[in-house]
């Protein structure tokens, strides 16, 4: 057969930075080699998140996999043979074992053949101190066994798979940090939207997606990004985001009330700057971005904030005020809900500034978000 084309190779390298697409890559490799099924496994001993295990065909069936690992993996001769084969070199079960050996082998007759399979081509793509990577493709009954040109084509494809996996595991720490930050944002009771340096939406937490799905005042589109239905609110939102992205001032930003449909209580959107320290988990190297926190008046306050801010020894009143600010509430809205005077509210705010060594509401919220990220 011919070496798989550039389109497949491009998808292989794409999977290095989008791990969820490895399953599609394995499917496409099976198609390129006329394989009925395939198994692709990569173990990383240093970063568990970097490990990959995907299947196509009969091995996508959970009961088949369970049956294999409950007994037949212990008597499978092929996988150990592939595992010890020279890295980058491939072979087949038809070449590894004589027909007489296969005819009496329990694994081959009671498991492999009963799945409708006749031949496996497999080998190592990567093997070093950090881990191993192996791919095995199977052909079904009624098709020819793998030939020399199949092996040659796979050995030409293997270096691309190896380099893609090396890139894949280089990105693993960043993916782990991004996953931790995403989890922290999902613990908020406020919607959170992260914008890159051009104002494009890079990440939304679950609550933000829920708010957008309601389509009752705030919308998310591929062209316009996050927009408000109300023209005046949308204009102010755009100006705040533009100012945050254009300045190095950590105190830039502000709040805007966004009217909702049918006269329901407005959303409050807090626009705050984020710098490279918060952007790096998302593989954004630009010096600045923006974080938009959407306060949903229908949701309860966040209970994780007390744990995240424990080191600052905040009083209950200070913590309540901070929780309101994290949810995007203004001082006026918060003090009305809490039933306290504006002077009392400002007193608690000054105390928060002193204890956290911050100088603005935006800076205070940024500190709280970073603390939540560390939970």
Protein backbone atom coordinates (compact mmCIF):
# COMPACT_ATOMS: atom_id res chain seq x y z
CA UNK A 1 0.00 0.00 0.00
CA UNK A 2 0.98 3.67 -0.25
CA UNK A 3 2.19 5.66 2.71
CA UNK A 4 -0.81 7.41 4.35
CA UNK A 5 -1.14 10.94 3.03
CA UNK A 6 -0.41 14.37 4.43
CA UNK A 7 -3.99 14.81 5.66
CA UNK A 8 -3.63 11.91 8.09
CA UNK A 9 -0.20 13.12 9.20
CA UNK A 10 -1.63 16.60 9.86
CA UNK A 11 -4.35 15.05 12.04
CA UNK A 12 -1.72 13.09 13.97
CA UNK A 13 0.15 16.29 14.85
CA UNK A 14 -3.15 18.00 15.64
CA UNK A 15 -3.85 15.33 18.27
CA UNK A 16 -0.64 16.35 20.06
CA UNK A 17 -2.35 19.51 21.27
CA UNK A 18 -5.96 18.24 21.19
CA UNK A 19 -5.82 14.86 22.97
CA UNK A 20 -9.52 14.22 22.53
CA UNK A 21 -8.87 13.73 18.79
CA UNK A 22 -6.56 10.71 19.27
CA UNK A 23 -9.63 8.47 18.95
CA UNK A 24 -10.37 9.91 15.50
CA UNK A 25 -6.72 9.48 14.52
CA UNK A 26 -6.77 5.78 15.43
CA UNK A 27 -9.98 5.34 13.43
CA UNK A 28 -8.37 7.04 10.41
CA UNK A 29 -5.23 4.90 10.70
CA UNK A 30 -7.39 1.78 10.73
CA UNK A 31 -9.12 2.95 7.57
CA UNK A 32 -5.81 3.78 5.87
CA UNK A 33 -4.52 0.25 6.55
CA UNK A 34 -7.83 -1.54 5.84
CA UNK A 35 -7.86 -2.67 9.47
CA UNK A 36 -11.10 -3.71 11.11
CA UNK A 37 -9.91 -2.78 14.62
CA UNK A 38 -7.08 -1.02 16.36
CA UNK A 39 -5.66 -0.30 19.81
CA UNK A 40 -3.40 2.67 20.62
CA UNK A 41 -1.82 2.95 24.07
CA UNK A 42 0.63 5.51 25.46
CA UNK A 43 1.73 5.46 29.10
CA UNK A 44 3.54 8.39 30.70
CA UNK A 45 5.15 7.48 34.02
CA UNK A 46 5.70 11.16 34.94
CA UNK A 47 2.37 12.81 34.08
CA UNK A 48 -0.72 10.61 34.26
CA UNK A 49 -2.79 13.18 32.35
CA UNK A 50 -0.48 12.63 29.39
CA UNK A 51 -1.37 8.93 29.04
CA UNK A 52 -3.62 7.87 26.17
CA UNK A 53 -5.61 4.70 25.59
CA UNK A 54 -8.04 4.56 22.67
CA UNK A 55 -9.55 1.77 20.60
CA UNK A 56 -11.44 1.31 17.38
CA UNK A 57 -13.63 -1.56 16.23
CA UNK A 58 -14.25 -4.62 18.38
CA UNK A 59 -12.12 -3.28 21.25
CA UNK A 60 -14.49 -0.35 21.73
CA UNK A 61 -16.90 -2.86 23.28
CA UNK A 62 -16.56 -2.75 27.08
CA UNK A 63 -17.47 -6.41 27.56
CA UNK A 64 -14.78 -7.49 25.09
CA UNK A 65 -12.16 -5.41 26.89
CA UNK A 66 -13.28 -6.78 30.27
CA UNK A 67 -13.08 -10.33 28.95
CA UNK A 68 -9.58 -9.70 27.62
CA UNK A 69 -8.20 -8.27 30.86
CA UNK A 70 -9.98 -10.76 33.11
CA UNK A 71 -8.13 -13.71 31.58
CA UNK A 72 -6.84 -13.53 28.03
CA UNK A 73 -4.31 -10.72 28.55
CA UNK A 74 -2.29 -13.18 30.64
CA UNK A 75 -1.94 -15.65 27.78
CA UNK A 76 -1.70 -13.18 24.88
CA UNK A 77 1.63 -13.94 23.17
CA UNK A 78 1.48 -11.10 20.64
CA UNK A 79 1.50 -8.01 22.88
CA UNK A 80 4.66 -9.01 24.82
CA UNK A 81 6.35 -9.81 21.50
CA UNK A 82 5.40 -6.41 20.05
CA UNK A 83 6.48 -4.68 23.28
CA UNK A 84 10.00 -6.09 23.10
CA UNK A 85 10.37 -5.51 19.36
CA UNK A 86 12.80 -2.83 18.19
CA UNK A 87 11.28 0.65 18.52
CA UNK A 88 9.98 1.93 15.21
CA UNK A 89 9.88 -1.56 13.68
CA UNK A 90 6.63 -3.42 13.07
CA UNK A 91 5.70 -7.01 12.50
CA UNK A 92 2.62 -9.23 12.46
CA UNK A 93 1.34 -12.26 14.31
CA UNK A 94 1.55 -14.23 11.05
CA UNK A 95 5.30 -13.49 10.95
CA UNK A 96 5.94 -13.94 14.67
CA UNK A 97 4.28 -17.33 15.10
CA UNK A 98 4.22 -20.38 12.89
CA UNK A 99 0.80 -21.72 11.82
CA UNK A 100 1.31 -24.79 13.97
CA UNK A 101 1.85 -22.59 17.05
CA UNK A 102 -1.26 -20.50 16.34
CA UNK A 103 -3.34 -23.61 15.71
CA UNK A 104 -2.84 -24.75 19.30
CA UNK A 105 -2.78 -21.36 21.04
CA UNK A 106 -5.68 -20.78 23.45
CA UNK A 107 -5.69 -17.00 23.09
CA UNK A 108 -5.65 -17.10 19.31
CA UNK A 109 -8.39 -19.71 18.96
CA UNK A 110 -10.73 -18.96 21.89
CA UNK A 111 -10.54 -15.17 21.86
CA UNK A 112 -8.93 -13.64 18.77
CA UNK A 113 -10.56 -15.78 16.08
CA UNK A 114 -13.94 -15.67 17.82
CA UNK A 115 -13.88 -11.88 17.48
CA UNK A 116 -13.67 -12.41 13.72
CA UNK A 117 -10.01 -11.31 13.54
CA UNK A 118 -7.22 -13.08 11.67
CA UNK A 119 -4.00 -11.02 11.92
CA UNK A 120 -2.44 -8.22 13.98
CA UNK A 121 0.25 -5.75 12.94
CA UNK A 122 1.90 -4.05 15.88
CA UNK A 123 4.98 -2.41 17.32
CA UNK A 124 6.47 0.27 19.55
CA UNK A 125 6.49 3.88 18.41
CA UNK A 126 8.15 5.24 21.53
CA UNK A 127 10.02 3.70 24.44
CA UNK A 128 12.13 5.64 26.92
CA UNK A 129 12.50 6.26 30.65
CA UNK A 130 9.21 8.17 30.75
CA UNK A 131 6.99 5.56 29.17
CA UNK A 132 6.01 3.51 26.14
CA UNK A 133 3.66 3.80 23.18
CA UNK A 134 2.30 0.94 21.10
CA UNK A 135 -0.19 0.56 18.27
CA UNK A 136 -1.79 -2.68 17.10
CA UNK A 137 -4.08 -3.01 14.07
CA UNK A 138 -6.22 -6.07 13.35
CA UNK A 139 -7.71 -7.39 10.12
CA UNK A 140 -10.90 -9.41 10.03
CA UNK A 141 -11.83 -12.75 8.54
CA UNK A 142 -12.30 -12.55 4.77
CA UNK A 143 -9.48 -10.01 4.27
CA UNK A 144 -5.81 -10.74 3.54
CA UNK A 145 -3.21 -10.75 6.27
CA UNK A 146 -0.95 -7.69 6.52
CA UNK A 147 1.71 -7.65 3.79
CA UNK A 148 5.24 -6.27 3.51
CA UNK A 149 4.04 -2.96 2.07
CA UNK A 150 1.68 -2.52 5.06
CA UNK A 151 4.59 -2.96 7.44
CA UNK A 152 6.74 -0.56 5.43
CA UNK A 153 3.99 2.07 5.40
CA UNK A 154 3.47 1.78 9.16
CA UNK A 155 7.19 2.13 9.80
CA UNK A 156 7.14 5.36 7.78
CA UNK A 157 4.16 6.62 9.73
CA UNK A 158 5.63 5.66 13.13
CA UNK A 159 8.12 8.61 13.37
CA UNK A 160 5.24 11.05 12.97
CA UNK A 161 3.32 9.28 15.73
CA UNK A 162 6.41 9.31 17.95
CA UNK A 163 7.06 13.04 17.46
CA UNK A 164 3.38 13.84 18.00
CA UNK A 165 3.41 11.91 21.27
CA UNK A 166 6.55 13.73 22.40
CA UNK A 167 4.80 17.05 21.77
CA UNK A 168 1.66 15.67 23.44
CA UNK A 169 3.47 14.99 26.69
CA UNK A 170 5.28 18.34 26.60
CA UNK A 171 1.84 19.97 26.69
CA UNK A 172 0.62 17.74 29.53
CA UNK A 173 1.69 20.06 32.41
CA UNK A 174 -0.09 22.97 30.72
CA UNK A 175 -3.19 20.84 30.23
CA UNK A 176 -3.07 19.81 33.89
CA UNK A 177 -2.78 23.44 35.01
CA UNK A 178 -5.60 24.45 32.68
CA UNK A 179 -7.76 21.64 34.04
CA UNK A 180 -7.09 22.81 37.62
CA UNK A 181 -7.90 26.42 36.73
CA UNK A 182 -11.03 25.35 34.87
CA UNK A 183 -12.14 23.34 37.90
CA UNK A 184 -11.59 26.40 40.11
CA UNK A 185 -13.67 28.56 37.80
CA UNK A 186 -16.40 25.91 37.80
CA UNK A 187 -16.56 26.11 41.59
CA UNK A 188 -17.67 29.73 41.35
CA UNK A 189 -21.35 30.53 41.52
CA UNK A 190 -20.65 33.28 39.00
CA UNK A 191 -20.29 32.74 35.28
CA UNK A 192 -16.65 33.17 34.19
CA UNK A 193 -15.45 34.01 30.68
CA UNK A 194 -11.75 34.28 29.84
CA UNK A 195 -10.80 36.47 26.88
CA UNK A 196 -7.47 36.49 25.07
CA UNK A 197 -5.52 39.61 24.11
CA UNK A 198 -7.79 40.20 21.09
CA UNK A 199 -10.99 39.91 23.09
CA UNK A 200 -11.80 36.44 21.77
CA UNK A 201 -13.51 34.00 24.11
CA UNK A 202 -10.96 31.41 25.17
CA UNK A 203 -12.76 29.64 27.99
CA UNK A 204 -16.18 29.62 29.67
CA UNK A 205 -17.08 27.88 32.90
CA UNK A 206 -20.22 25.79 33.23
CA UNK A 207 -22.35 28.54 34.74
CA UNK A 208 -21.45 30.94 31.93
CA UNK A 209 -22.58 28.33 29.40
CA UNK A 210 -25.85 27.91 31.28
CA UNK A 211 -26.40 31.68 31.18
CA UNK A 212 -25.68 31.85 27.45
CA UNK A 213 -28.02 28.92 26.79
CA UNK A 214 -30.89 30.85 28.40
CA UNK A 215 -30.54 33.65 25.83
CA UNK A 216 -32.23 36.08 28.18
CA UNK A 217 -29.81 39.00 28.01
CA UNK A 218 -26.31 37.65 27.31
CA UNK A 219 -25.22 35.77 24.20
CA UNK A 220 -22.12 34.03 22.91
CA UNK A 221 -21.36 33.88 19.19
CA UNK A 222 -18.35 32.80 17.17
CA UNK A 223 -18.20 36.18 15.42
CA UNK A 224 -19.08 38.69 18.14
CA UNK A 225 -17.97 36.80 21.24
CA UNK A 226 -19.89 37.66 24.41
CA UNK A 227 -22.51 40.33 23.79
CA UNK A 228 -25.44 41.87 25.66
CA UNK A 229 -28.85 42.18 24.04
CA UNK A 230 -29.30 45.65 25.50
CA UNK A 231 -27.45 48.13 23.25
CA UNK A 232 -26.40 50.48 26.05
CA UNK A 233 -25.11 47.64 28.25
CA UNK A 234 -23.30 46.08 25.30
CA UNK A 235 -21.56 49.37 24.51
CA UNK A 236 -20.35 49.80 28.09
CA UNK A 237 -19.23 46.15 28.20
CA UNK A 238 -17.21 46.62 24.99
CA UNK A 239 -15.57 49.79 26.35
CA UNK A 240 -14.57 48.11 29.61
CA UNK A 241 -13.09 45.11 27.81
CA UNK A 242 -11.24 47.38 25.38
CA UNK A 243 -9.79 49.43 28.22
CA UNK A 244 -8.64 46.33 30.13
CA UNK A 245 -6.93 44.86 27.05
CA UNK A 246 -5.28 48.14 26.12
CA UNK A 247 -3.74 48.89 29.53
CA UNK A 248 -1.19 47.37 31.87
CA UNK A 249 -3.11 48.72 34.86
CA UNK A 250 -4.14 45.85 37.14
CA UNK A 251 -6.87 48.06 38.56
CA UNK A 252 -8.52 48.63 35.17
CA UNK A 253 -12.01 47.29 34.58
CA UNK A 254 -15.41 47.81 36.13
CA UNK A 255 -18.99 46.59 36.26
CA UNK A 256 -22.02 46.81 34.02
CA UNK A 257 -25.61 45.82 34.66
CA UNK A 258 -27.11 43.76 31.83
CA UNK A 259 -30.93 43.80 31.62
CA UNK A 260 -32.65 40.45 31.21
CA UNK A 261 -35.79 39.41 29.39
CA UNK A 262 -39.24 39.70 30.96
CA UNK A 263 -38.13 42.15 33.61
CA UNK A 264 -36.09 39.64 35.60
CA UNK A 265 -33.26 40.95 37.84
CA UNK A 266 -30.28 42.10 35.78
CA UNK A 267 -27.02 40.25 35.41
CA UNK A 268 -24.00 42.11 36.73
CA UNK A 269 -20.83 41.64 34.69
CA UNK A 270 -17.48 42.46 36.30
CA UNK A 271 -14.65 43.04 33.82
CA UNK A 272 -11.17 42.47 35.29
CA UNK A 273 -7.67 42.17 33.80
CA UNK A 274 -5.73 38.94 33.88
CA UNK A 275 -2.03 38.77 33.20
CA UNK A 276 0.36 36.07 32.03
CA UNK A 277 0.32 34.23 35.38
CA UNK A 278 -3.35 33.36 34.94
CA UNK A 279 -3.21 32.99 31.17
CA UNK A 280 -0.33 30.51 31.05
CA UNK A 281 -2.41 27.45 32.03
CA UNK A 282 -4.40 28.06 28.85
CA UNK A 283 -1.25 28.23 26.68
CA UNK A 284 -1.76 31.97 26.20
CA UNK A 285 1.59 33.74 26.22
CA UNK A 286 0.21 37.24 25.61
CA UNK A 287 0.89 39.77 28.41
CA UNK A 288 -2.77 40.49 29.04
CA UNK A 289 -6.29 39.20 28.74
CA UNK A 290 -9.64 39.81 30.44
CA UNK A 291 -11.85 37.91 32.84
CA UNK A 292 -15.60 38.55 32.82
CA UNK A 293 -17.54 37.43 35.88
CA UNK A 294 -21.30 37.22 35.42
CA UNK A 295 -23.37 37.46 38.59
CA UNK A 296 -26.58 35.45 38.29
CA UNK A 297 -29.06 36.77 40.87
CA UNK A 298 -30.79 33.37 40.98
CA UNK A 299 -27.76 31.50 42.37
CA UNK A 300 -26.57 31.00 45.95
CA UNK A 301 -23.22 32.37 47.21
CA UNK A 302 -20.01 30.41 46.80
CA UNK A 303 -19.11 28.18 49.78
CA UNK A 304 -15.51 27.45 48.73
CA UNK A 305 -14.31 31.01 49.22
CA UNK A 306 -13.88 30.63 52.99
CA UNK A 307 -11.46 27.75 52.46
CA UNK A 308 -9.56 29.52 49.68
CA UNK A 309 -9.11 32.72 51.72
CA UNK A 310 -8.51 31.10 55.14
CA UNK A 311 -4.93 32.42 55.37
CA UNK A 312 -6.18 36.02 55.47
CA UNK A 313 -8.31 35.45 58.61
CA UNK A 314 -11.31 37.29 57.21
CA UNK A 315 -14.32 37.94 59.39
CA UNK A 316 -17.71 36.60 58.38
CA UNK A 317 -18.79 40.05 57.22
CA UNK A 318 -15.61 40.55 55.18
CA UNK A 319 -15.97 37.13 53.58
CA UNK A 320 -19.60 37.81 52.71
CA UNK A 321 -18.64 41.09 51.02
CA UNK A 322 -15.80 39.41 49.13
CA UNK A 323 -18.19 36.68 47.98
CA UNK A 324 -20.52 39.34 46.63
CA UNK A 325 -17.70 41.04 44.74
CA UNK A 326 -16.53 37.72 43.26
CA UNK A 327 -20.08 37.18 42.01
CA UNK A 328 -19.88 40.56 40.28
CA UNK A 329 -22.14 42.56 42.58
CA UNK A 330 -21.60 46.28 43.07
CA UNK A 331 -21.13 47.72 46.55
CA UNK A 332 -24.58 49.28 46.33
CA UNK A 333 -26.27 46.03 45.33
CA UNK A 334 -24.42 44.10 48.02
CA UNK A 335 -25.21 46.49 50.85
CA UNK A 336 -28.91 46.54 49.88
CA UNK A 337 -29.06 42.73 49.90
CA UNK A 338 -27.11 42.54 53.18
CA UNK A 339 -29.22 45.28 54.77
CA UNK A 340 -26.23 47.35 55.90
CA UNK A 341 -25.20 50.97 55.33
CA UNK A 342 -22.78 52.07 52.65
CA UNK A 343 -20.36 53.26 55.36
CA UNK A 344 -20.33 49.79 56.94
CA UNK A 345 -19.80 48.24 53.53
CA UNK A 346 -16.86 50.56 52.82
CA UNK A 347 -15.40 49.79 56.25
CA UNK A 348 -15.38 46.06 55.45
CA UNK A 349 -13.90 46.80 52.02
CA UNK A 350 -11.03 48.83 53.52
CA UNK A 351 -10.39 45.99 55.94
CA UNK A 352 -10.27 43.52 53.04
CA UNK A 353 -7.77 45.73 51.22
CA UNK A 354 -5.55 45.91 54.32
CA UNK A 355 -5.62 42.18 55.06
CA UNK A 356 -5.01 41.10 51.46
CA UNK A 357 -2.64 43.98 50.55
CA UNK A 358 -4.75 44.88 47.54
CA UNK A 359 -5.81 48.36 46.47
CA UNK A 360 -8.94 47.95 44.34
CA UNK A 361 -12.03 45.80 44.01
CA UNK A 362 -10.71 44.35 40.75
CA UNK A 363 -7.39 43.43 42.37
CA UNK A 364 -9.22 41.89 45.32
CA UNK A 365 -11.37 39.73 43.04
CA UNK A 366 -8.30 38.63 41.07
CA UNK A 367 -6.64 37.53 44.32
CA UNK A 368 -9.72 35.56 45.33
CA UNK A 369 -9.85 33.80 41.96
CA UNK A 370 -6.18 32.83 42.19
CA UNK A 371 -6.84 31.46 45.69
CA UNK A 372 -9.82 29.46 44.41
CA UNK A 373 -7.63 28.10 41.64
CA UNK A 374 -5.31 26.61 44.26
CA UNK A 375 -8.02 24.55 45.97
